Amino acid sequence: MSRNIPSTDANWEDGTLGASLEHAEISPNRPEDIDDALAMQSISIRLSRSLIDDLKILAEINGLGYQPLIRRVLTRFVAGETKQLLKDNASLLRKQGIKTSDHTQGDKKRA
């Protein structure tokens, strides 16, 4: 007779669910195929244990795993840095007397 185990996060995490070879199937998808479909690449990075612990706490508060949180943090950082670099370079170009799209639009408005 089979027993019905509740599908809770705790049961999945501790291996009560999902660890039985009796019910396992080999996926026809290769990990590379999944990564390609999602346009993702696996990397390896060394982080301090305390940073990982902090990330796990923040991830739990945000309802995420810590790896998706790291992706979100890196995505926000790159977007912010890119925006700042574009802004800084536009200011530098203006100082050198080179027109940027902002100046060109401003000149059109004045005409």
Protein backbone atom coordinates (compact mmCIF):
# COMPACT_ATOMS: atom_id res chain seq x y z
CA MET A 1 0.00 0.00 0.00
CA SER A 2 1.39 3.41 -0.91
CA ARG A 3 1.47 6.19 1.62
CA ASN A 4 0.54 9.75 0.75
CA ILE A 5 3.25 12.23 1.77
CA PRO A 6 2.27 15.92 1.87
CA SER A 7 4.00 18.02 -0.79
CA THR A 8 5.64 20.59 1.46
CA ASP A 9 8.87 22.52 0.98
CA ALA A 10 10.33 20.74 4.01
CA ASN A 11 9.57 17.29 2.54
CA TRP A 12 11.23 18.23 -0.76
CA GLU A 13 14.23 19.82 0.96
CA ASP A 14 14.95 16.96 3.35
CA GLY A 15 14.55 14.30 0.63
CA THR A 16 11.33 12.75 1.93
CA LEU A 17 9.96 13.56 -1.53
CA GLY A 18 11.89 13.44 -4.78
CA ALA A 19 14.60 10.99 -3.74
CA SER A 20 12.99 7.71 -4.75
CA LEU A 21 14.71 6.03 -7.71
CA GLU A 22 11.54 3.98 -8.18
CA HIS A 23 9.75 7.05 -9.57
CA ALA A 24 12.69 8.72 -11.30
CA GLU A 25 12.84 9.20 -15.06
CA ILE A 26 15.77 10.28 -17.19
CA SER A 27 15.03 13.60 -18.84
CA PRO A 28 15.36 13.64 -22.62
CA ASN A 29 16.77 17.20 -22.30
CA ARG A 30 20.46 17.72 -21.86
CA PRO A 31 21.47 20.48 -19.40
CA GLU A 32 23.15 22.29 -22.30
CA ASP A 33 19.85 22.34 -24.22
CA ILE A 34 18.07 23.92 -21.27
CA ASP A 35 20.82 26.52 -20.80
CA ASP A 36 20.71 27.34 -24.51
CA ALA A 37 16.93 27.71 -24.47
CA LEU A 38 17.17 30.09 -21.50
CA ALA A 39 20.26 31.89 -22.90
CA MET A 40 22.10 31.09 -19.67
CA GLN A 41 25.58 29.87 -18.87
CA SER A 42 26.74 28.14 -15.74
CA ILE A 43 29.70 29.73 -13.94
CA SER A 44 31.71 28.99 -10.84
CA ILE A 45 32.50 31.76 -8.36
CA ARG A 46 34.03 31.73 -4.90
CA LEU A 47 32.18 33.78 -2.30
CA SER A 48 32.70 34.02 1.45
CA ARG A 49 30.43 31.80 3.52
CA SER A 50 29.12 34.82 5.40
CA LEU A 51 28.14 36.52 2.12
CA ILE A 52 26.34 33.38 0.98
CA ASP A 53 24.54 33.16 4.33
CA ASP A 54 23.46 36.81 3.99
CA LEU A 55 22.30 36.22 0.42
CA LYS A 56 20.26 33.21 1.53
CA ILE A 57 18.56 35.33 4.21
CA LEU A 58 17.78 38.10 1.72
CA ALA A 59 16.57 35.55 -0.81
CA GLU A 60 14.22 33.98 1.71
CA ILE A 61 12.79 37.40 2.60
CA ASN A 62 12.21 38.04 -1.13
CA GLY A 63 10.73 34.58 -1.73
CA LEU A 64 13.61 33.48 -3.98
CA GLY A 65 16.43 31.00 -3.98
CA TYR A 66 19.81 32.62 -3.40
CA GLN A 67 21.06 31.95 -6.94
CA PRO A 68 18.11 33.75 -8.60
CA LEU A 69 18.70 36.58 -6.10
CA ILE A 70 22.36 36.78 -7.18
CA ARG A 71 21.21 36.96 -10.84
CA ARG A 72 18.81 39.76 -9.92
CA VAL A 73 21.50 41.66 -7.98
CA LEU A 74 24.01 41.34 -10.83
CA THR A 75 21.42 42.36 -13.43
CA ARG A 76 20.52 45.48 -11.42
CA PHE A 77 24.19 46.32 -10.90
CA VAL A 78 25.06 46.02 -14.59
CA ALA A 79 22.02 48.09 -15.62
CA GLY A 80 22.87 50.81 -13.10
CA GLU A 81 26.56 50.89 -13.99
CA THR A 82 25.78 50.97 -17.72
CA LYS A 83 23.36 53.86 -17.22
CA GLN A 84 25.94 55.75 -15.13
CA LEU A 85 28.71 55.15 -17.69
CA LEU A 86 26.49 56.41 -20.50
CA LYS A 87 25.57 59.47 -18.45
CA ASP A 88 29.22 60.17 -17.52
CA ASN A 89 30.40 59.74 -21.10
CA ALA A 90 27.64 62.01 -22.42
CA SER A 91 28.79 64.69 -19.94
CA LEU A 92 32.40 64.19 -21.02
CA LEU A 93 31.48 64.48 -24.69
CA ARG A 94 29.53 67.68 -24.00
CA LYS A 95 32.54 69.15 -22.17
CA GLN A 96 34.66 68.39 -25.24
CA GLY A 97 32.15 70.18 -27.45
CA ILE A 98 30.84 67.04 -29.14
CA LYS A 99 27.09 67.05 -29.60
CA THR A 100 25.14 64.17 -28.12
CA SER A 101 21.59 63.12 -28.84
CA ASP A 102 20.39 65.26 -25.90
CA HIS A 103 22.00 68.38 -27.42
CA THR A 104 20.69 67.56 -30.87
CA GLN A 105 17.16 67.20 -29.56
CA GLY A 106 17.53 70.40 -27.58
CA ASP A 107 18.74 72.26 -30.67
CA LYS A 108 15.76 71.01 -32.66
CA LYS A 109 13.41 72.24 -29.94
CA ARG A 110 15.00 75.70 -30.01
CA ALA A 111 14.75 76.01 -33.80
